PDB file of N, CA and C in Angstrom:
ATOM      1  N   MET A   1      42.306 139.032 111.565  1.00  0.00           N
ATOM      2  CA  MET A   1      42.012 140.095 111.479  1.00  0.00           C
ATOM      3  C   MET A   1      42.461 141.194 112.594  1.00  0.00           C
ATOM      4  N   THR A   2      43.545 142.320 112.217  1.00  0.00           N
ATOM      5  CA  THR A   2      43.628 143.207 113.526  1.00  0.00           C
ATOM      6  C   THR A   2      42.594 144.106 113.327  1.00  0.00           C
ATOM      7  N   LYS A   3      42.227 144.701 114.710  1.00  0.00           N
ATOM      8  CA  LYS A   3      41.472 145.913 114.469  1.00  0.00           C
ATOM      9  C   LYS A   3      42.356 146.715 114.982  1.00  0.00           C
ATOM     10  N   TYR A   4      41.996 148.204 114.348  1.00  0.00           N
ATOM     11  CA  TYR A   4      43.017 149.253 114.184  1.00  0.00           C
ATOM     12  C   TYR A   4      42.193 150.361 114.836  1.00  0.00           C
ATOM     13  N   SER A   5      42.623 150.779 115.726  1.00  0.00           N
ATOM     14  CA  SER A   5      42.067 152.102 116.942  1.00  0.00           C
ATOM     15  C   SER A   5      41.773 153.270 115.844  1.00  0.00           C
ATOM     16  N   PHE A   6      41.055 154.018 116.336  1.00  0.00           N
ATOM     17  CA  PHE A   6      41.198 155.335 115.674  1.00  0.00           C
ATOM     18  C   PHE A   6      42.342 156.059 115.381  1.00  0.00           C
ATOM     19  N   LYS A   7      42.860 156.159 116.338  1.00  0.00           N
ATOM     20  CA  LYS A   7      44.468 156.758 116.394  1.00  0.00           C
ATOM     21  C   LYS A   7      45.444 156.181 115.436  1.00  0.00           C
ATOM     22  N   ASP A   8      45.693 154.469 115.790  1.00  0.00           N
ATOM     23  CA  ASP A   8      46.230 153.890 114.631  1.00  0.00           C
ATOM     24  C   ASP A   8      46.024 154.170 113.180  1.00  0.00           C
ATOM     25  N   LYS A   9      44.587 154.285 112.512  1.00  0.00           N
ATOM     26  CA  LYS A   9      44.142 154.745 111.432  1.00  0.00           C
ATOM     27  C   LYS A   9      44.674 156.128 110.931  1.00  0.00           C
ATOM     28  N   LEU A  10      44.367 157.394 111.994  1.00  0.00           N
ATOM     29  CA  LEU A  10      44.901 158.623 111.523  1.00  0.00           C
ATOM     30  C   LEU A  10      46.104 158.768 111.326  1.00  0.00           C
ATOM     31  N   GLU A  11      47.032 157.713 112.333  1.00  0.00           N
ATOM     32  CA  GLU A  11      48.490 157.821 111.875  1.00  0.00           C
ATOM     33  C   GLU A  11      49.118 157.493 110.914  1.00  0.00           C
ATOM     34  N   ILE A  12      48.487 156.346 110.198  1.00  0.00           N
ATOM     35  CA  ILE A  12      48.939 155.748 108.951  1.00  0.00           C
ATOM     36  C   ILE A  12      48.620 156.612 107.759  1.00  0.00           C
ATOM     37  N   LEU A  13      47.580 156.869 108.269  1.00  0.00           N
ATOM     38  CA  LEU A  13      47.019 158.110 106.936  1.00  0.00           C
ATOM     39  C   LEU A  13      47.765 159.204 106.921  1.00  0.00           C
ATOM     40  N   LEU A  14      48.121 160.212 107.901  1.00  0.00           N
ATOM     41  CA  LEU A  14      49.054 160.789 107.843  1.00  0.00           C
ATOM     42  C   LEU A  14      50.166 161.024 107.471  1.00  0.00           C
ATOM     43  N   GLY A  15      50.959 159.930 107.810  1.00  0.00           N
ATOM     44  CA  GLY A  15      52.219 159.362 107.160  1.00  0.00           C
ATOM     45  C   GLY A  15      52.312 158.974 105.911  1.00  0.00           C
ATOM     46  N   TYR A  16      51.492 159.199 104.715  1.00  0.00           N
ATOM     47  CA  TYR A  16      51.590 158.639 103.649  1.00  0.00           C
ATOM     48  C   TYR A  16      51.606 159.616 102.675  1.00  0.00           C
ATOM     49  N   LYS A  17      52.779 159.791 101.992  1.00  0.00           N
ATOM     50  CA  LYS A  17      53.432 160.969 101.399  1.00  0.00           C
ATOM     51  C   LYS A  17      53.256 160.184  99.864  1.00  0.00           C
ATOM     52  N   GLU A  18      52.249 160.720  99.119  1.00  0.00           N
ATOM     53  CA  GLU A  18      51.960 160.215  98.027  1.00  0.00           C
ATOM     54  C   GLU A  18      53.176 160.451  96.608  1.00  0.00           C
ATOM     55  N   GLU A  19      53.766 161.715  96.942  1.00  0.00           N
ATOM     56  CA  GLU A  19      54.829 161.889  95.976  1.00  0.00           C
ATOM     57  C   GLU A  19      56.096 160.670  96.429  1.00  0.00           C
ATOM     58  N   GLU A  20      56.199 159.966  97.487  1.00  0.00           N
ATOM     59  CA  GLU A  20      57.098 159.418  98.234  1.00  0.00           C
ATOM     60  C   GLU A  20      57.142 157.703  97.445  1.00  0.00           C
ATOM     61  N   THR A  21      56.021 157.393  97.854  1.00  0.00           N
ATOM     62  CA  THR A  21      55.652 155.959  97.503  1.00  0.00           C
ATOM     63  C   THR A  21      54.496 155.849  97.061  1.00  0.00           C
ATOM     64  N   SER A  22      54.259 154.506  96.198  1.00  0.00           N
ATOM     65  CA  SER A  22      52.681 154.201  96.031  1.00  0.00           C
ATOM     66  C   SER A  22      52.004 153.882  97.422  1.00  0.00           C
ATOM     67  N   GLN A  23      50.737 153.432  97.149  1.00  0.00           N
ATOM     68  CA  GLN A  23      49.676 153.342  98.107  1.00  0.00           C
ATOM     69  C   GLN A  23      50.140 151.844  98.521  1.00  0.00           C
ATOM     70  N   SER A  24      50.595 150.860  97.825  1.00  0.00           N
ATOM     71  CA  SER A  24      50.607 149.492  97.510  1.00  0.00           C
ATOM     72  C   SER A  24      52.113 149.056  98.709  1.00  0.00           C
ATOM     73  N   GLU A  25      52.875 150.027  98.456  1.00  0.00           N
ATOM     74  CA  GLU A  25      54.299 149.861  99.149  1.00  0.00           C
ATOM     75  C   GLU A  25      53.872 150.530 100.365  1.00  0.00           C
ATOM     76  N   TYR A  26      53.263 151.809 100.908  1.00  0.00           N
ATOM     77  CA  TYR A  26      53.137 152.090 102.256  1.00  0.00           C
ATOM     78  C   TYR A  26      52.022 150.871 102.919  1.00  0.00           C
ATOM     79  N   ALA A  27      51.128 150.471 102.263  1.00  0.00           N
ATOM     80  CA  ALA A  27      50.223 149.734 103.137  1.00  0.00           C
ATOM     81  C   ALA A  27      51.396 148.559 103.473  1.00  0.00           C
ATOM     82  N   LYS A  28      51.713 147.802 102.537  1.00  0.00           N
ATOM     83  CA  LYS A  28      52.704 146.901 102.804  1.00  0.00           C
ATOM     84  C   LYS A  28      53.489 146.963 103.815  1.00  0.00           C
ATOM     85  N   GLU A  29      53.895 148.023 103.956  1.00  0.00           N
ATOM     86  CA  GLU A  29      55.223 148.732 105.073  1.00  0.00           C
ATOM     87  C   GLU A  29      54.300 148.548 106.224  1.00  0.00           C
ATOM     88  N   LYS A  30      53.063 149.286 106.161  1.00  0.00           N
ATOM     89  CA  LYS A  30      52.563 149.139 107.690  1.00  0.00           C
ATOM     90  C   LYS A  30      52.110 148.117 108.190  1.00  0.00           C
ATOM     91  N   GLY A  31      51.552 147.172 107.410  1.00  0.00           N
ATOM     92  CA  GLY A  31      51.265 145.789 107.499  1.00  0.00           C
ATOM     93  C   GLY A  31      49.306 145.852 107.315  1.00  0.00           C
ATOM     94  N   VAL A  32      48.920 146.858 106.681  1.00  0.00           N
ATOM     95  CA  VAL A  32      48.025 147.229 106.434  1.00  0.00           C
ATOM     96  C   VAL A  32      47.588 146.526 104.934  1.00  0.00           C
ATOM     97  N   ILE A  33      46.184 145.617 104.724  1.00  0.00           N
ATOM     98  CA  ILE A  33      46.054 145.425 103.061  1.00  0.00           C
ATOM     99  C   ILE A  33      45.654 146.473 102.701  1.00  0.00           C
ATOM    100  N   LYS A  34      46.237 146.464 101.402  1.00  0.00           N
ATOM    101  CA  LYS A  34      46.103 147.757 100.302  1.00  0.00           C
ATOM    102  C   LYS A  34      44.468 148.076 100.344  1.00  0.00           C
ATOM    103  N   ALA A  35      43.623 147.052 100.024  1.00  0.00           N
ATOM    104  CA  ALA A  35      42.004 147.943  99.879  1.00  0.00           C
ATOM    105  C   ALA A  35      41.708 148.305 101.136  1.00  0.00           C
ATOM    106  N   GLN A  36      41.968 148.030 102.375  1.00  0.00           N
ATOM    107  CA  GLN A  36      41.499 148.364 103.804  1.00  0.00           C
ATOM    108  C   GLN A  36      42.545 149.905 103.753  1.00  0.00           C
ATOM    109  N   PHE A  37      43.488 150.279 103.764  1.00  0.00           N
ATOM    110  CA  PHE A  37      44.470 151.278 103.098  1.00  0.00           C
ATOM    111  C   PHE A  37      43.814 152.508 102.750  1.00  0.00           C
ATOM    112  N   GLN A  38      43.119 151.703 101.257  1.00  0.00           N
ATOM    113  CA  GLN A  38      42.649 152.558 100.208  1.00  0.00           C
ATOM    114  C   GLN A  38      40.947 152.947 100.379  1.00  0.00           C
ATOM    115  N   TYR A  39      40.562 152.040 101.582  1.00  0.00           N
ATOM    116  CA  TYR A  39      39.139 152.444 102.312  1.00  0.00           C
ATOM    117  C   TYR A  39      39.458 153.400 103.125  1.00  0.00           C
ATOM    118  N   TRP A  40      40.285 153.080 104.312  1.00  0.00           N
ATOM    119  CA  TRP A  40      40.476 154.540 104.845  1.00  0.00           C
ATOM    120  C   TRP A  40      40.763 156.019 104.468  1.00  0.00           C
ATOM    121  N   LEU A  41      41.718 155.749 103.323  1.00  0.00           N
ATOM    122  CA  LEU A  41      41.937 157.131 102.818  1.00  0.00           C
ATOM    123  C   LEU A  41      40.553 157.934 101.977  1.00  0.00           C
ATOM    124  N   ARG A  42      39.894 157.005 101.381  1.00  0.00           N
ATOM    125  CA  ARG A  42      38.717 157.618 100.575  1.00  0.00           C
ATOM    126  C   ARG A  42      37.804 158.240 101.821  1.00  0.00           C
ATOM    127  N   LEU A  43      37.761 156.985 103.149  1.00  0.00           N
ATOM    128  CA  LEU A  43      36.641 157.965 104.196  1.00  0.00           C
ATOM    129  C   LEU A  43      37.423 158.819 104.583  1.00  0.00           C
ATOM    130  N   TYR A  44      38.789 159.022 104.860  1.00  0.00           N
ATOM    131  CA  TYR A  44      39.396 160.296 105.415  1.00  0.00           C
ATOM    132  C   TYR A  44      39.171 161.470 104.168  1.00  0.00           C
ATOM    133  N   GLU A  45      39.109 161.380 103.422  1.00  0.00           N
ATOM    134  CA  GLU A  45      39.322 162.339 102.165  1.00  0.00           C
ATOM    135  C   GLU A  45      37.675 162.704 102.136  1.00  0.00           C
ATOM    136  N   LEU A  46      36.998 162.111 101.944  1.00  0.00           N
ATOM    137  CA  LEU A  46      35.420 162.339 102.050  1.00  0.00           C
ATOM    138  C   LEU A  46      34.916 162.712 103.715  1.00  0.00           C
ATOM    139  N   HIS A  47      34.988 162.583 104.431  1.00  0.00           N
ATOM    140  CA  HIS A  47      34.611 162.863 105.942  1.00  0.00           C
ATOM    141  C   HIS A  47      35.735 163.414 106.761  1.00  0.00           C
ATOM    142  N   GLY A  48      36.572 163.557 106.208  1.00  0.00           N
ATOM    143  CA  GLY A  48      37.843 163.492 107.320  1.00  0.00           C
ATOM    144  C   GLY A  48      37.850 163.035 108.321  1.00  0.00           C
ATOM    145  N   GLU A  49      38.203 163.256 109.905  1.00  0.00           N
ATOM    146  CA  GLU A  49      38.584 162.308 110.751  1.00  0.00           C
ATOM    147  C   GLU A  49      37.525 161.616 111.454  1.00  0.00           C
ATOM    148  N   GLU A  50      36.477 162.172 111.359  1.00  0.00           N
ATOM    149  CA  GLU A  50      34.903 161.820 111.648  1.00  0.00           C
ATOM    150  C   GLU A  50      34.621 160.338 110.691  1.00  0.00           C
ATOM    151  N   GLY A  51      35.454 160.359 109.593  1.00  0.00           N
ATOM    152  CA  GLY A  51      35.114 158.918 108.995  1.00  0.00           C
ATOM    153  C   GLY A  51      35.833 157.977 109.109  1.00  0.00           C
ATOM    154  N   LEU A  52      36.797 158.029 109.910  1.00  0.00           N
ATOM    155  CA  LEU A  52      37.753 156.981 110.616  1.00  0.00           C
ATOM    156  C   LEU A  52      37.035 156.419 111.851  1.00  0.00           C
ATOM    157  N   GLN A  53      36.096 157.250 112.524  1.00  0.00           N
ATOM    158  CA  GLN A  53      35.734 156.650 113.573  1.00  0.00           C
ATOM    159  C   GLN A  53      34.417 155.485 113.968  1.00  0.00           C
ATOM    160  N   SER A  54      34.503 154.585 114.540  1.00  0.00           N
ATOM    161  CA  SER A  54      33.594 153.525 114.895  1.00  0.00           C
ATOM    162  C   SER A  54      32.468 153.756 115.139  1.00  0.00           C
ATOM    163  N   SER A  55      31.344 153.323 114.200  1.00  0.00           N
ATOM    164  CA  SER A  55      29.949 153.794 114.155  1.00  0.00           C
ATOM    165  C   SER A  55      29.052 152.931 114.942  1.00  0.00           C
ATOM    166  N   TYR A  56      29.679 151.690 115.459  1.00  0.00           N
ATOM    167  CA  TYR A  56      28.911 150.940 116.204  1.00  0.00           C
ATOM    168  C   TYR A  56      28.263 151.486 117.485  1.00  0.00           C
ATOM    169  N   THR A  57      26.887 151.533 117.827  1.00  0.00           N
ATOM    170  CA  THR A  57      26.494 151.920 118.455  1.00  0.00           C
ATOM    171  C   THR A  57      25.311 150.555 119.596  1.00  0.00           C
ATOM    172  N   ASN A  58      24.905 151.148 120.674  1.00  0.00           N
ATOM    173  CA  ASN A  58      24.779 150.174 121.783  1.00  0.00           C
ATOM    174  C   ASN A  58      23.266 150.226 121.997  1.00  0.00           C
ATOM    175  N   TYR A  59      22.280 149.466 121.872  1.00  0.00           N
ATOM    176  CA  TYR A  59      21.068 149.635 122.040  1.00  0.00           C
ATOM    177  C   TYR A  59      20.872 148.849 123.044  1.00  0.00           C
ATOM    178  N   THR A  60      19.813 148.968 123.919  1.00  0.00           N
ATOM    179  CA  THR A  60      19.441 148.331 125.261  1.00  0.00           C
ATOM    180  C   THR A  60      18.513 147.541 124.557  1.00  0.00           C
ATOM    181  N   THR A  61      18.478 146.354 125.664  1.00  0.00           N
ATOM    182  CA  THR A  61      17.899 145.174 125.382  1.00  0.00           C
ATOM    183  C   THR A  61      15.996 145.302 125.263  1.00  0.00           C
ATOM    184  N   GLU A  62      15.718 146.430 126.390  1.00  0.00           N
ATOM    185  CA  GLU A  62      14.492 146.754 126.017  1.00  0.00           C
ATOM    186  C   GLU A  62      14.237 147.181 124.838  1.00  0.00           C
ATOM    187  N   PHE A  63      15.278 148.301 124.064  1.00  0.00           N
ATOM    188  CA  PHE A  63      15.124 148.828 123.008  1.00  0.00           C
ATOM    189  C   PHE A  63      14.732 147.710 121.670  1.00  0.00           C
ATOM    190  N   LYS A  64      15.402 146.423 121.932  1.00  0.00           N
ATOM    191  CA  LYS A  64      15.554 145.849 120.825  1.00  0.00           C
ATOM    192  C   LYS A  64      14.363 144.831 120.359  1.00  0.00           C
ATOM    193  N   LEU A  65      13.653 144.393 121.864  1.00  0.00           N
ATOM    194  CA  LEU A  65      12.535 143.901 122.163  1.00  0.00           C
ATOM    195  C   LEU A  65      11.712 144.515 121.476  1.00  0.00           C
ATOM    196  N   ASN A  66      10.965 145.721 121.871  1.00  0.00           N
ATOM    197  CA  ASN A  66      10.435 146.911 121.535  1.00  0.00           C
ATOM    198  C   ASN A  66      10.373 146.916 119.845  1.00  0.00           C
ATOM    199  N   ILE A  67      11.529 146.745 119.022  1.00  0.00           N
ATOM    200  CA  ILE A  67      11.506 146.643 117.491  1.00  0.00           C
ATOM    201  C   ILE A  67      11.252 145.231 117.206  1.00  0.00           C
ATOM    202  N   LEU A  68      11.379 144.224 118.073  1.00  0.00           N
ATOM    203  CA  LEU A  68      11.092 142.825 117.431  1.00  0.00           C
ATOM    204  C   LEU A  68       9.670 143.009 117.650  1.00  0.00           C
ATOM    205  N   GLN A  69       9.084 143.306 118.907  1.00  0.00           N
ATOM    206  CA  GLN A  69       7.705 143.053 119.093  1.00  0.00           C
ATOM    207  C   GLN A  69       6.929 144.235 117.856  1.00  0.00           C
ATOM    208  N   TYR A  70       7.132 145.205 117.387  1.00  0.00           N
ATOM    209  CA  TYR A  70       6.497 146.232 116.501  1.00  0.00           C
ATOM    210  C   TYR A  70       6.457 145.324 115.062  1.00  0.00           C
TER     211      TYR A  70
END
């Protein structure tokens, strides 16, 4: 599975014209699984560009150990 950057996702979504093509055809044209495209589209509709940003966080080893000990 390919990981797409924020920029890639945004470009794909902004290039989509509902009046011109279906979601299935557009996703196939861009090399994205239809379900993934629909997921990104929904996130974009609900949260704007922030919805497309990765929400991965890095916790320090000390923080993780404190949680486990708690």
